[in-house]
Amino acid sequence: MSKSDKVKEEIAYLKFWLGVMVVTDISLVGWLVSSAGSAPAHQVVGALVAVVVITVTGFAVHRRVERLIDALEEL
């Protein structure tokens, strides 16, 4: 497998997980908006922490994909 093919596969793999993170993030935010008032406080806090962690991790994955795409131009 050539180096460019390997980088393309890594980009595809990271894009899949980025999509999973985005869908999970959107779902958690939707749940927070719709039921934050009626949910127990520990669930709301847990959901808020999860949103922050998933958002930051998603941003990091996005940056990694950008760097890999830039590196792919040089191959």
N, C-alpha and C. Protein backbone atom coordinates (compact mmCIF):
# COMPACT_ATOMS: atom_id res chain seq x y z
N MET A 1 0.84 -1.17 0.00
CA MET A 1 0.00 0.00 0.00
C MET A 1 0.89 1.24 0.00
N SER A 2 0.61 2.16 -0.88
CA SER A 2 1.43 3.36 -0.94
C SER A 2 1.12 4.27 0.25
N LYS A 3 2.03 5.21 0.48
CA LYS A 3 1.87 6.11 1.61
C LYS A 3 0.62 6.99 1.44
N SER A 4 0.37 7.43 0.22
CA SER A 4 -0.82 8.27 0.00
C SER A 4 -2.11 7.49 0.23
N ASP A 5 -2.12 6.20 -0.15
CA ASP A 5 -3.30 5.38 0.11
C ASP A 5 -3.52 5.20 1.61
N LYS A 6 -2.43 5.03 2.33
CA LYS A 6 -2.53 4.87 3.78
C LYS A 6 -3.09 6.14 4.43
N VAL A 7 -2.62 7.29 3.98
CA VAL A 7 -3.11 8.56 4.52
C VAL A 7 -4.59 8.73 4.18
N LYS A 8 -4.99 8.37 2.97
CA LYS A 8 -6.40 8.47 2.58
C LYS A 8 -7.28 7.58 3.45
N GLU A 9 -6.80 6.38 3.76
CA GLU A 9 -7.56 5.49 4.62
C GLU A 9 -7.68 6.05 6.03
N GLU A 10 -6.61 6.64 6.53
CA GLU A 10 -6.66 7.25 7.86
C GLU A 10 -7.63 8.41 7.89
N ILE A 11 -7.64 9.21 6.83
CA ILE A 11 -8.59 10.33 6.74
C ILE A 11 -10.02 9.81 6.73
N ALA A 12 -10.29 8.77 5.96
CA ALA A 12 -11.64 8.20 5.91
C ALA A 12 -12.06 7.67 7.28
N TYR A 13 -11.15 7.00 7.96
CA TYR A 13 -11.43 6.47 9.30
C TYR A 13 -11.74 7.60 10.27
N LEU A 14 -10.93 8.65 10.26
CA LEU A 14 -11.16 9.78 11.16
C LEU A 14 -12.44 10.52 10.82
N LYS A 15 -12.77 10.61 9.54
CA LYS A 15 -14.02 11.26 9.15
C LYS A 15 -15.23 10.49 9.66
N PHE A 16 -15.14 9.17 9.66
CA PHE A 16 -16.23 8.37 10.21
C PHE A 16 -16.44 8.71 11.69
N TRP A 17 -15.35 8.69 12.46
CA TRP A 17 -15.48 8.97 13.89
C TRP A 17 -15.88 10.42 14.15
N LEU A 18 -15.45 11.33 13.29
CA LEU A 18 -15.89 12.72 13.43
C LEU A 18 -17.40 12.81 13.24
N GLY A 19 -17.93 12.07 12.28
CA GLY A 19 -19.37 12.04 12.07
C GLY A 19 -20.11 11.48 13.26
N VAL A 20 -19.57 10.43 13.86
CA VAL A 20 -20.18 9.85 15.05
C VAL A 20 -20.20 10.88 16.18
N MET A 21 -19.10 11.61 16.33
CA MET A 21 -19.03 12.62 17.39
C MET A 21 -20.02 13.74 17.15
N VAL A 22 -20.16 14.18 15.91
CA VAL A 22 -21.08 15.27 15.60
C VAL A 22 -22.52 14.85 15.90
N VAL A 23 -22.89 13.65 15.46
CA VAL A 23 -24.26 13.18 15.72
C VAL A 23 -24.51 13.03 17.22
N THR A 24 -23.54 12.50 17.94
CA THR A 24 -23.69 12.35 19.39
C THR A 24 -23.81 13.71 20.06
N ASP A 25 -22.98 14.65 19.63
CA ASP A 25 -23.01 16.00 20.20
C ASP A 25 -24.37 16.66 19.96
N ILE A 26 -24.86 16.58 18.73
CA ILE A 26 -26.16 17.17 18.41
C ILE A 26 -27.27 16.52 19.23
N SER A 27 -27.20 15.21 19.37
CA SER A 27 -28.22 14.51 20.15
C SER A 27 -28.21 14.93 21.61
N LEU A 28 -27.01 15.04 22.18
CA LEU A 28 -26.92 15.46 23.58
C LEU A 28 -27.42 16.89 23.78
N VAL A 29 -27.07 17.77 22.87
CA VAL A 29 -27.54 19.16 22.98
C VAL A 29 -29.07 19.19 22.85
N GLY A 30 -29.61 18.41 21.92
CA GLY A 30 -31.07 18.34 21.78
C GLY A 30 -31.73 17.82 23.04
N TRP A 31 -31.13 16.79 23.65
CA TRP A 31 -31.68 16.27 24.89
C TRP A 31 -31.62 17.32 25.99
N LEU A 32 -30.51 18.05 26.07
CA LEU A 32 -30.39 19.10 27.08
C LEU A 32 -31.45 20.18 26.90
N VAL A 33 -31.67 20.57 25.67
CA VAL A 33 -32.66 21.63 25.40
C VAL A 33 -34.06 21.15 25.76
N SER A 34 -34.37 19.90 25.43
CA SER A 34 -35.74 19.43 25.61
C SER A 34 -36.05 18.98 27.04
N SER A 35 -35.06 18.50 27.77
CA SER A 35 -35.42 17.94 29.08
C SER A 35 -34.49 18.34 30.22
N ALA A 36 -33.77 19.41 30.07
CA ALA A 36 -32.86 19.82 31.14
C ALA A 36 -33.63 20.24 32.39
N GLY A 37 -34.82 20.78 32.22
CA GLY A 37 -35.59 21.22 33.38
C GLY A 37 -36.18 20.08 34.19
N SER A 38 -36.45 18.96 33.55
CA SER A 38 -37.09 17.86 34.26
C SER A 38 -36.12 16.74 34.65
N ALA A 39 -34.91 16.79 34.15
CA ALA A 39 -33.93 15.74 34.44
C ALA A 39 -33.22 16.02 35.77
N PRO A 40 -32.75 14.96 36.42
CA PRO A 40 -31.97 15.17 37.65
C PRO A 40 -30.69 15.96 37.36
N ALA A 41 -30.24 16.67 38.34
CA ALA A 41 -29.08 17.56 38.17
C ALA A 41 -27.83 16.79 37.74
N HIS A 42 -27.63 15.60 38.27
CA HIS A 42 -26.42 14.85 37.90
C HIS A 42 -26.44 14.43 36.43
N GLN A 43 -27.61 14.18 35.88
CA GLN A 43 -27.70 13.84 34.45
C GLN A 43 -27.40 15.06 33.59
N VAL A 44 -27.90 16.20 34.00
CA VAL A 44 -27.65 17.44 33.24
C VAL A 44 -26.16 17.78 33.27
N VAL A 45 -25.56 17.68 34.45
CA VAL A 45 -24.12 17.96 34.56
C VAL A 45 -23.32 16.97 33.73
N GLY A 46 -23.68 15.71 33.79
CA GLY A 46 -23.00 14.70 32.99
C GLY A 46 -23.13 14.97 31.50
N ALA A 47 -24.31 15.36 31.07
CA ALA A 47 -24.52 15.67 29.66
C ALA A 47 -23.72 16.90 29.25
N LEU A 48 -23.65 17.90 30.10
CA LEU A 48 -22.87 19.09 29.79
C LEU A 48 -21.38 18.75 29.67
N VAL A 49 -20.89 17.94 30.58
CA VAL A 49 -19.49 17.52 30.52
C VAL A 49 -19.24 16.73 29.24
N ALA A 50 -20.16 15.83 28.91
CA ALA A 50 -20.02 15.03 27.69
C ALA A 50 -20.02 15.92 26.45
N VAL A 51 -20.88 16.92 26.42
CA VAL A 51 -20.92 17.84 25.26
C VAL A 51 -19.58 18.55 25.11
N VAL A 52 -19.04 19.03 26.22
CA VAL A 52 -17.76 19.74 26.16
C VAL A 52 -16.65 18.80 25.68
N VAL A 53 -16.59 17.61 26.25
CA VAL A 53 -15.53 16.66 25.89
C VAL A 53 -15.66 16.24 24.42
N ILE A 54 -16.87 15.92 23.99
CA ILE A 54 -17.07 15.49 22.60
C ILE A 54 -16.78 16.63 21.63
N THR A 55 -17.17 17.85 21.98
CA THR A 55 -16.91 19.00 21.11
C THR A 55 -15.41 19.24 20.96
N VAL A 56 -14.69 19.23 22.07
CA VAL A 56 -13.24 19.45 22.02
C VAL A 56 -12.54 18.33 21.27
N THR A 57 -12.95 17.09 21.52
CA THR A 57 -12.36 15.96 20.82
C THR A 57 -12.68 16.01 19.34
N GLY A 58 -13.89 16.38 18.99
CA GLY A 58 -14.26 16.52 17.59
C GLY A 58 -13.44 17.59 16.89
N PHE A 59 -13.20 18.69 17.58
CA PHE A 59 -12.37 19.74 17.00
C PHE A 59 -10.95 19.23 16.78
N ALA A 60 -10.42 18.46 17.72
CA ALA A 60 -9.07 17.91 17.58
C ALA A 60 -9.00 16.94 16.40
N VAL A 61 -10.02 16.11 16.24
CA VAL A 61 -10.06 15.19 15.11
C VAL A 61 -10.14 15.97 13.80
N HIS A 62 -10.94 17.01 13.78
CA HIS A 62 -11.05 17.85 12.59
C HIS A 62 -9.69 18.46 12.21
N ARG A 63 -9.00 18.96 13.21
CA ARG A 63 -7.66 19.54 12.95
C ARG A 63 -6.70 18.47 12.40
N ARG A 64 -6.79 17.26 12.94
CA ARG A 64 -5.93 16.17 12.46
C ARG A 64 -6.24 15.83 11.01
N VAL A 65 -7.51 15.80 10.66
CA VAL A 65 -7.90 15.54 9.27
C VAL A 65 -7.35 16.64 8.36
N GLU A 66 -7.46 17.89 8.80
CA GLU A 66 -6.91 19.00 8.00
C GLU A 66 -5.41 18.84 7.77
N ARG A 67 -4.69 18.47 8.83
CA ARG A 67 -3.24 18.28 8.69
C ARG A 67 -2.92 17.13 7.76
N LEU A 68 -3.69 16.06 7.84
CA LEU A 68 -3.45 14.92 6.95
C LEU A 68 -3.75 15.28 5.49
N ILE A 69 -4.78 16.08 5.27
CA ILE A 69 -5.07 16.52 3.91
C ILE A 69 -3.95 17.41 3.38
N ASP A 70 -3.44 18.30 4.22
CA ASP A 70 -2.32 19.13 3.81
C ASP A 70 -1.09 18.27 3.50
N ALA A 71 -0.85 17.25 4.32
CA ALA A 71 0.28 16.36 4.10
C ALA A 71 0.08 15.55 2.82
N LEU A 72 -1.15 15.25 2.49
CA LEU A 72 -1.45 14.48 1.29
C LEU A 72 -1.07 15.26 0.03
N GLU A 73 -1.18 16.57 0.09
CA GLU A 73 -0.80 17.40 -1.06
C GLU A 73 0.68 17.26 -1.37
N GLU A 74 1.48 17.02 -0.35
CA GLU A 74 2.92 16.94 -0.53
C GLU A 74 3.38 15.57 -1.02
N LEU A 75 2.51 14.56 -0.95
CA LEU A 75 2.91 13.20 -1.38
C LEU A 75 2.79 13.03 -2.88
